[in-house]
Amino acid sequence: MKLKKLYNYLSILEEDQSLNVWHFALLSAILCLGYRQGHTKTIKVSRSKIMSLSHIRTLPTYHKYFKELQKMGYINYIPSYHPGYRSEVEITIKPYKE
């Protein structure tokens, strides 16, 4: 993921008044992982890594806002039920044209 694309995603999120600080923290953590992995569409994630990066400490808070992001159409969660493979999050928002 290029820095410009990351900035475009964050700009889109900034404009959405329905997002609160918890949504923004989760999305920022997911985008940060995508930037580190060099992926723009499908990002390998783990709950513990997202919680750590977003500074969310409780499971109920994490699950509530993560589920809301799915309902709002920002992400698509693809769980992995295999202990050796990480789950994936697909970013469904489109960045501004570069």
C-alpha atoms as a PDB file:
ATOM      1  CA  MET A   1       0.000   0.000   0.000  1.00  0.00           C
ATOM      2  CA  LYS A   2       1.395   3.344  -1.010  1.00  0.00           C
ATOM      3  CA  LEU A   3       1.468   6.246   1.413  1.00  0.00           C
ATOM      4  CA  LYS A   4      -0.746   8.336  -0.882  1.00  0.00           C
ATOM      5  CA  LYS A   5      -3.402   5.603  -0.974  1.00  0.00           C
ATOM      6  CA  LEU A   6      -3.256   5.314   2.820  1.00  0.00           C
ATOM      7  CA  TYR A   7      -3.759   9.071   3.108  1.00  0.00           C
ATOM      8  CA  ASN A   8      -6.720   8.872   0.683  1.00  0.00           C
ATOM      9  CA  TYR A   9      -8.387   6.187   2.807  1.00  0.00           C
ATOM     10  CA  LEU A  10      -7.928   8.264   5.949  1.00  0.00           C
ATOM     11  CA  SER A  11      -9.351  11.333   4.184  1.00  0.00           C
ATOM     12  CA  ILE A  12     -12.496   9.399   3.283  1.00  0.00           C
ATOM     13  CA  LEU A  13     -12.906   8.220   6.863  1.00  0.00           C
ATOM     14  CA  GLU A  14     -12.414  11.715   8.192  1.00  0.00           C
ATOM     15  CA  GLU A  15     -15.408  12.954   6.180  1.00  0.00           C
ATOM     16  CA  ASP A  16     -17.843  10.329   7.505  1.00  0.00           C
ATOM     17  CA  GLN A  17     -19.664  11.789  10.499  1.00  0.00           C
ATOM     18  CA  SER A  18     -21.180   8.410  11.434  1.00  0.00           C
ATOM     19  CA  LEU A  19     -17.763   7.088  12.491  1.00  0.00           C
ATOM     20  CA  ASN A  20     -16.716   7.536  16.085  1.00  0.00           C
ATOM     21  CA  VAL A  21     -13.276   7.318  17.658  1.00  0.00           C
ATOM     22  CA  TRP A  22     -13.502   3.513  18.090  1.00  0.00           C
ATOM     23  CA  HIS A  23     -14.372   2.960  14.420  1.00  0.00           C
ATOM     24  CA  PHE A  24     -11.560   5.248  13.385  1.00  0.00           C
ATOM     25  CA  ALA A  25      -9.074   3.487  15.691  1.00  0.00           C
ATOM     26  CA  LEU A  26      -9.972   0.069  14.286  1.00  0.00           C
ATOM     27  CA  LEU A  27      -9.823   1.214  10.672  1.00  0.00           C
ATOM     28  CA  SER A  28      -6.538   3.004  11.271  1.00  0.00           C
ATOM     29  CA  ALA A  29      -5.068  -0.167  12.801  1.00  0.00           C
ATOM     30  CA  ILE A  30      -6.238  -2.269   9.838  1.00  0.00           C
ATOM     31  CA  LEU A  31      -4.843   0.248   7.341  1.00  0.00           C
ATOM     32  CA  CYS A  32      -1.569   0.346   9.281  1.00  0.00           C
ATOM     33  CA  LEU A  33      -1.292  -3.442   8.989  1.00  0.00           C
ATOM     34  CA  GLY A  34      -2.045  -3.180   5.263  1.00  0.00           C
ATOM     35  CA  TYR A  35       0.646  -0.557   4.850  1.00  0.00           C
ATOM     36  CA  ARG A  36       3.175  -2.766   6.662  1.00  0.00           C
ATOM     37  CA  GLN A  37       2.223  -5.769   4.528  1.00  0.00           C
ATOM     38  CA  GLY A  38       2.178  -3.789   1.303  1.00  0.00           C
ATOM     39  CA  HIS A  39      -1.412  -4.832   0.544  1.00  0.00           C
ATOM     40  CA  THR A  40      -4.229  -2.559  -0.507  1.00  0.00           C
ATOM     41  CA  LYS A  41      -7.226  -4.840  -0.755  1.00  0.00           C
ATOM     42  CA  THR A  42      -6.954  -7.923   1.472  1.00  0.00           C
ATOM     43  CA  ILE A  43      -5.020  -7.620   4.722  1.00  0.00           C
ATOM     44  CA  LYS A  44      -3.987 -10.468   7.013  1.00  0.00           C
ATOM     45  CA  VAL A  45      -5.055  -9.663  10.572  1.00  0.00           C
ATOM     46  CA  SER A  46      -5.261 -11.025  14.070  1.00  0.00           C
ATOM     47  CA  ARG A  47      -7.557  -9.728  16.781  1.00  0.00           C
ATOM     48  CA  SER A  48      -4.681  -9.238  19.207  1.00  0.00           C
ATOM     49  CA  LYS A  49      -2.699  -7.156  16.692  1.00  0.00           C
ATOM     50  CA  ILE A  50      -5.682  -4.967  15.796  1.00  0.00           C
ATOM     51  CA  MET A  51      -6.530  -4.445  19.469  1.00  0.00           C
ATOM     52  CA  SER A  52      -2.930  -3.529  20.245  1.00  0.00           C
ATOM     53  CA  LEU A  53      -2.610  -1.032  17.384  1.00  0.00           C
ATOM     54  CA  SER A  54      -6.008   0.532  18.035  1.00  0.00           C
ATOM     55  CA  HIS A  55      -5.475   0.731  21.823  1.00  0.00           C
ATOM     56  CA  ILE A  56      -8.765  -1.052  22.440  1.00  0.00           C
ATOM     57  CA  ARG A  57      -8.457  -3.091  25.613  1.00  0.00           C
ATOM     58  CA  THR A  58     -11.769  -4.940  25.994  1.00  0.00           C
ATOM     59  CA  LEU A  59     -13.236  -7.680  23.805  1.00  0.00           C
ATOM     60  CA  PRO A  60     -16.820  -6.365  23.920  1.00  0.00           C
ATOM     61  CA  THR A  61     -15.700  -2.962  22.617  1.00  0.00           C
ATOM     62  CA  TYR A  62     -13.602  -4.558  19.887  1.00  0.00           C
ATOM     63  CA  HIS A  63     -16.376  -6.876  18.727  1.00  0.00           C
ATOM     64  CA  LYS A  64     -19.079  -4.198  18.812  1.00  0.00           C
ATOM     65  CA  TYR A  65     -17.254  -1.678  16.643  1.00  0.00           C
ATOM     66  CA  PHE A  66     -15.640  -4.271  14.374  1.00  0.00           C
ATOM     67  CA  LYS A  67     -19.097  -5.674  13.607  1.00  0.00           C
ATOM     68  CA  GLU A  68     -20.464  -2.149  13.024  1.00  0.00           C
ATOM     69  CA  LEU A  69     -17.713  -1.490  10.469  1.00  0.00           C
ATOM     70  CA  GLN A  70     -18.838  -4.592   8.608  1.00  0.00           C
ATOM     71  CA  LYS A  71     -22.480  -3.466   8.680  1.00  0.00           C
ATOM     72  CA  MET A  72     -21.495   0.022   7.506  1.00  0.00           C
ATOM     73  CA  GLY A  73     -19.721  -1.507   4.504  1.00  0.00           C
ATOM     74  CA  TYR A  74     -16.190  -0.400   5.266  1.00  0.00           C
ATOM     75  CA  ILE A  75     -14.724  -3.886   5.676  1.00  0.00           C
ATOM     76  CA  ASN A  76     -15.462  -7.489   4.838  1.00  0.00           C
ATOM     77  CA  TYR A  77     -14.123  -9.976   7.392  1.00  0.00           C
ATOM     78  CA  ILE A  78     -12.941 -13.364   6.150  1.00  0.00           C
ATOM     79  CA  PRO A  79     -12.284 -15.573   9.196  1.00  0.00           C
ATOM     80  CA  SER A  80      -9.732 -18.361   9.217  1.00  0.00           C
ATOM     81  CA  TYR A  81     -10.614 -21.310  11.357  1.00  0.00           C
ATOM     82  CA  HIS A  82      -7.161 -22.834  10.942  1.00  0.00           C
ATOM     83  CA  PRO A  83      -4.683 -22.013  13.713  1.00  0.00           C
ATOM     84  CA  GLY A  84      -1.819 -21.711  11.229  1.00  0.00           C
ATOM     85  CA  TYR A  85      -3.491 -19.113   9.015  1.00  0.00           C
ATOM     86  CA  ARG A  86      -4.502 -15.598   9.903  1.00  0.00           C
ATOM     87  CA  SER A  87      -7.907 -14.173   9.127  1.00  0.00           C
ATOM     88  CA  GLU A  88      -8.264 -11.513   6.464  1.00  0.00           C
ATOM     89  CA  VAL A  89     -10.009  -8.166   6.232  1.00  0.00           C
ATOM     90  CA  GLU A  90     -10.979  -6.839   2.863  1.00  0.00           C
ATOM     91  CA  ILE A  91     -11.159  -3.054   2.580  1.00  0.00           C
ATOM     92  CA  THR A  92     -14.359  -2.281   0.684  1.00  0.00           C
ATOM     93  CA  ILE A  93     -14.091   1.512   0.482  1.00  0.00           C
ATOM     94  CA  LYS A  94     -12.584   2.967  -2.666  1.00  0.00           C
ATOM     95  CA  PRO A  95      -9.781   5.513  -2.294  1.00  0.00           C
ATOM     96  CA  TYR A  96      -9.786   8.741  -4.251  1.00  0.00           C
ATOM     97  CA  LYS A  97      -8.117   8.531  -7.623  1.00  0.00           C
ATOM     98  CA  GLU A  98      -4.368   8.980  -7.452  1.00  0.00           C
END
